Amino acid sequence: MSLFDKKKPAADAQDSPADTAIATSPSGYDLRPISPALKQTLAEGLNAEERRVLLDHGTERAFCGHFNDNKKDGVYACRLCGLPLFRSTAKFDSGTGWPSFFEPFDSSHVRNIKDYSYGMIRTEIRCRRCDGHLGHVFDDGPKPTGQRYCLNSVSMAFFDNGQPIPQQVDTAA
């Protein structure tokens, strides 16, 4: 396995066992993993680029994402399952060409995974509920957190303040 084209197995995940057992986030959202059947059904609604990024851990080109310059007030949610990920109030212009945030909507809504691809060590972020690839987090962001969550626009859906965010969860689980 080459460091340039493979990720380490999920065993390198930075989640603690207690974190993965949370059923409801502190902000009240269902965090139970969605079933493979629901994930497949939801994936049918994705276009090729959304599939490449969310499901195959790709990256969209810099300065091409439709949310990079979005200045509206609202919430960015997972494009696949609808879990709220980031608030517009935490968005900042990082100059990198990708939408950037200094903190998540709720820290339990994202998972951090060690990423060894492309000959470097980074921290990949994934949606806690559907495991969709969102982007990466770096330690060069602004105060108060010092974090830069660098997201792919195609991994997210945007909902204006006050607009309901549809949740895609397994109701039978």
Protein backbone atom coordinates (compact mmCIF):
# COMPACT_ATOMS: atom_id res chain seq x y z
CA MET A 1 0.00 0.00 0.00
CA SER A 2 1.49 3.32 -1.10
CA LEU A 3 1.17 6.42 1.04
CA PHE A 4 0.44 8.34 -2.14
CA ASP A 5 -2.79 6.62 -3.09
CA LYS A 6 -4.26 4.80 -0.12
CA LYS A 7 -5.75 5.73 3.20
CA LYS A 8 -4.98 3.86 6.37
CA PRO A 9 -7.74 1.50 7.52
CA ALA A 10 -10.54 2.97 9.61
CA ALA A 11 -8.82 1.60 12.72
CA ASP A 12 -6.83 4.86 12.72
CA ALA A 13 -10.03 6.81 13.28
CA GLN A 14 -9.70 9.41 16.01
CA ASP A 15 -13.15 8.75 17.45
CA SER A 16 -13.22 7.24 20.90
CA PRO A 17 -15.55 4.25 21.46
CA ALA A 18 -17.77 6.42 23.66
CA ASP A 19 -18.12 8.98 20.83
CA THR A 20 -19.33 6.41 18.33
CA ALA A 21 -22.04 5.14 20.70
CA ILE A 22 -23.85 8.49 20.94
CA ALA A 23 -27.40 8.12 19.58
CA THR A 24 -28.44 11.77 19.90
CA SER A 25 -26.18 14.81 19.67
CA PRO A 26 -26.18 17.52 22.35
CA SER A 27 -28.09 19.68 19.84
CA GLY A 28 -30.80 16.99 19.55
CA TYR A 29 -30.06 15.27 16.22
CA ASP A 30 -30.17 11.54 15.57
CA LEU A 31 -26.59 10.32 15.11
CA ARG A 32 -27.28 6.64 14.57
CA PRO A 33 -25.52 5.48 11.38
CA ILE A 34 -27.89 5.14 8.45
CA SER A 35 -28.34 1.68 6.98
CA PRO A 36 -26.52 0.64 3.80
CA ALA A 37 -29.93 0.40 2.09
CA LEU A 38 -30.85 4.00 2.95
CA LYS A 39 -27.37 5.21 1.99
CA GLN A 40 -27.73 3.52 -1.40
CA THR A 41 -31.19 5.04 -1.90
CA LEU A 42 -29.95 8.53 -0.98
CA ALA A 43 -26.88 8.13 -3.22
CA GLU A 44 -29.17 7.61 -6.22
CA GLY A 45 -30.05 11.31 -5.93
CA LEU A 46 -26.41 12.43 -6.21
CA ASN A 47 -24.79 13.61 -9.42
CA ALA A 48 -21.42 12.19 -10.53
CA GLU A 49 -19.33 14.88 -8.81
CA GLU A 50 -21.27 14.58 -5.53
CA ARG A 51 -20.77 10.79 -5.60
CA ARG A 52 -17.05 11.16 -6.34
CA VAL A 53 -16.53 13.49 -3.39
CA LEU A 54 -19.01 12.23 -0.77
CA LEU A 55 -18.72 8.50 -1.36
CA ASP A 56 -15.27 8.11 -2.94
CA HIS A 57 -13.44 10.72 -0.80
CA GLY A 58 -12.61 13.02 -3.71
CA THR A 59 -11.97 16.74 -3.64
CA GLU A 60 -13.57 19.36 -5.82
CA ARG A 61 -11.28 21.87 -7.54
CA ALA A 62 -10.46 25.04 -5.63
CA PHE A 63 -12.56 28.15 -6.37
CA CYS A 64 -15.20 26.06 -8.18
CA GLY A 65 -17.58 25.20 -5.35
CA HIS A 66 -20.93 26.95 -5.28
CA PHE A 67 -20.70 27.75 -1.54
CA ASN A 68 -17.23 29.29 -1.52
CA ASP A 69 -18.67 32.81 -1.88
CA ASN A 70 -22.04 32.21 -0.21
CA LYS A 71 -22.76 35.06 2.24
CA LYS A 72 -26.32 34.09 3.24
CA ASP A 73 -27.30 33.40 6.86
CA GLY A 74 -28.20 29.79 7.52
CA VAL A 75 -26.98 26.26 8.08
CA TYR A 76 -24.87 23.97 5.92
CA ALA A 77 -26.00 20.36 6.20
CA CYS A 78 -24.76 17.05 4.83
CA ARG A 79 -25.83 16.73 1.19
CA LEU A 80 -26.56 13.02 1.68
CA CYS A 81 -28.36 12.71 5.04
CA GLY A 82 -29.22 16.28 6.09
CA LEU A 83 -27.29 16.35 9.37
CA PRO A 84 -26.48 20.01 10.20
CA LEU A 85 -22.73 20.51 9.88
CA PHE A 86 -21.81 24.21 10.02
CA ARG A 87 -23.47 27.57 10.68
CA SER A 88 -22.90 30.54 8.39
CA THR A 89 -21.78 32.51 11.46
CA ALA A 90 -18.69 30.24 11.66
CA LYS A 91 -17.80 30.69 7.96
CA PHE A 92 -14.78 32.77 6.97
CA ASP A 93 -12.80 33.53 3.83
CA SER A 94 -9.65 31.43 4.11
CA GLY A 95 -8.42 32.33 0.63
CA THR A 96 -7.99 28.62 -0.13
CA GLY A 97 -10.85 28.34 -2.64
CA TRP A 98 -13.03 26.11 -0.48
CA PRO A 99 -15.75 27.07 2.01
CA SER A 100 -14.05 27.28 5.40
CA PHE A 101 -15.44 27.29 8.93
CA PHE A 102 -13.80 27.70 12.33
CA GLU A 103 -16.18 25.35 14.19
CA PRO A 104 -18.89 22.79 13.41
CA PHE A 105 -22.61 23.19 14.16
CA ASP A 106 -22.13 20.52 16.85
CA SER A 107 -18.75 18.83 17.29
CA SER A 108 -20.46 15.44 17.57
CA HIS A 109 -21.81 15.81 14.00
CA VAL A 110 -18.40 15.30 12.38
CA ARG A 111 -15.87 12.50 12.65
CA ASN A 112 -12.12 13.04 12.42
CA ILE A 113 -10.14 10.38 10.55
CA LYS A 114 -6.37 10.28 9.99
CA ASP A 115 -5.76 10.61 6.25
CA TYR A 116 -2.43 9.41 4.85
CA SER A 117 -3.21 10.05 1.17
CA TYR A 118 -0.99 12.04 -1.19
CA GLY A 119 2.15 11.53 0.90
CA MET A 120 1.00 13.67 3.83
CA ILE A 121 -0.84 13.28 7.11
CA ARG A 122 -4.07 15.25 7.39
CA THR A 123 -7.32 14.97 9.30
CA GLU A 124 -10.28 14.05 7.12
CA ILE A 125 -13.73 15.02 8.31
CA ARG A 126 -16.78 12.89 7.65
CA CYS A 127 -20.45 13.15 8.47
CA ARG A 128 -21.09 11.28 11.73
CA ARG A 129 -24.38 9.79 10.50
CA CYS A 130 -23.78 8.73 6.86
CA ASP A 131 -19.96 8.69 6.83
CA GLY A 132 -19.88 10.97 3.76
CA HIS A 133 -16.54 12.68 3.03
CA LEU A 134 -16.77 16.41 3.77
CA GLY A 135 -13.20 17.69 3.53
CA HIS A 136 -10.33 18.20 5.98
CA VAL A 137 -9.62 20.17 9.14
CA PHE A 138 -6.37 22.06 9.75
CA ASP A 139 -4.86 23.87 12.73
CA ASP A 140 -4.37 27.19 10.92
CA GLY A 141 -7.79 28.78 11.36
CA PRO A 142 -8.85 31.98 13.10
CA LYS A 143 -9.71 32.54 16.74
CA PRO A 144 -11.50 31.45 18.80
CA THR A 145 -10.80 27.82 17.79
CA GLY A 146 -7.70 28.03 15.57
CA GLN A 147 -9.36 25.43 13.32
CA ARG A 148 -10.00 25.63 9.57
CA TYR A 149 -12.64 23.14 8.45
CA CYS A 150 -12.10 23.12 4.69
CA LEU A 151 -15.22 21.73 2.98
CA ASN A 152 -16.25 20.57 -0.45
CA SER A 153 -19.36 22.49 -1.57
CA VAL A 154 -20.82 19.36 -3.19
CA SER A 155 -20.77 17.62 0.21
CA MET A 156 -23.23 20.13 1.61
CA ALA A 157 -26.72 21.56 1.16
CA PHE A 158 -27.55 25.06 2.39
CA PHE A 159 -30.68 26.03 4.31
CA ASP A 160 -31.56 29.67 4.99
CA ASN A 161 -32.14 30.61 8.64
CA GLY A 162 -35.58 29.41 9.71
CA GLN A 163 -35.88 26.90 6.84
CA PRO A 164 -36.37 23.30 8.02
CA ILE A 165 -33.53 20.86 7.33
CA PRO A 166 -34.94 17.51 6.14
CA GLN A 167 -33.42 14.61 8.07
CA GLN A 168 -32.69 11.34 6.31
CA VAL A 169 -32.68 8.72 9.06
CA ASP A 170 -33.78 5.12 9.40
CA THR A 171 -37.14 5.39 11.15
CA ALA A 172 -37.38 1.63 11.79
CA ALA A 173 -34.05 1.48 13.61
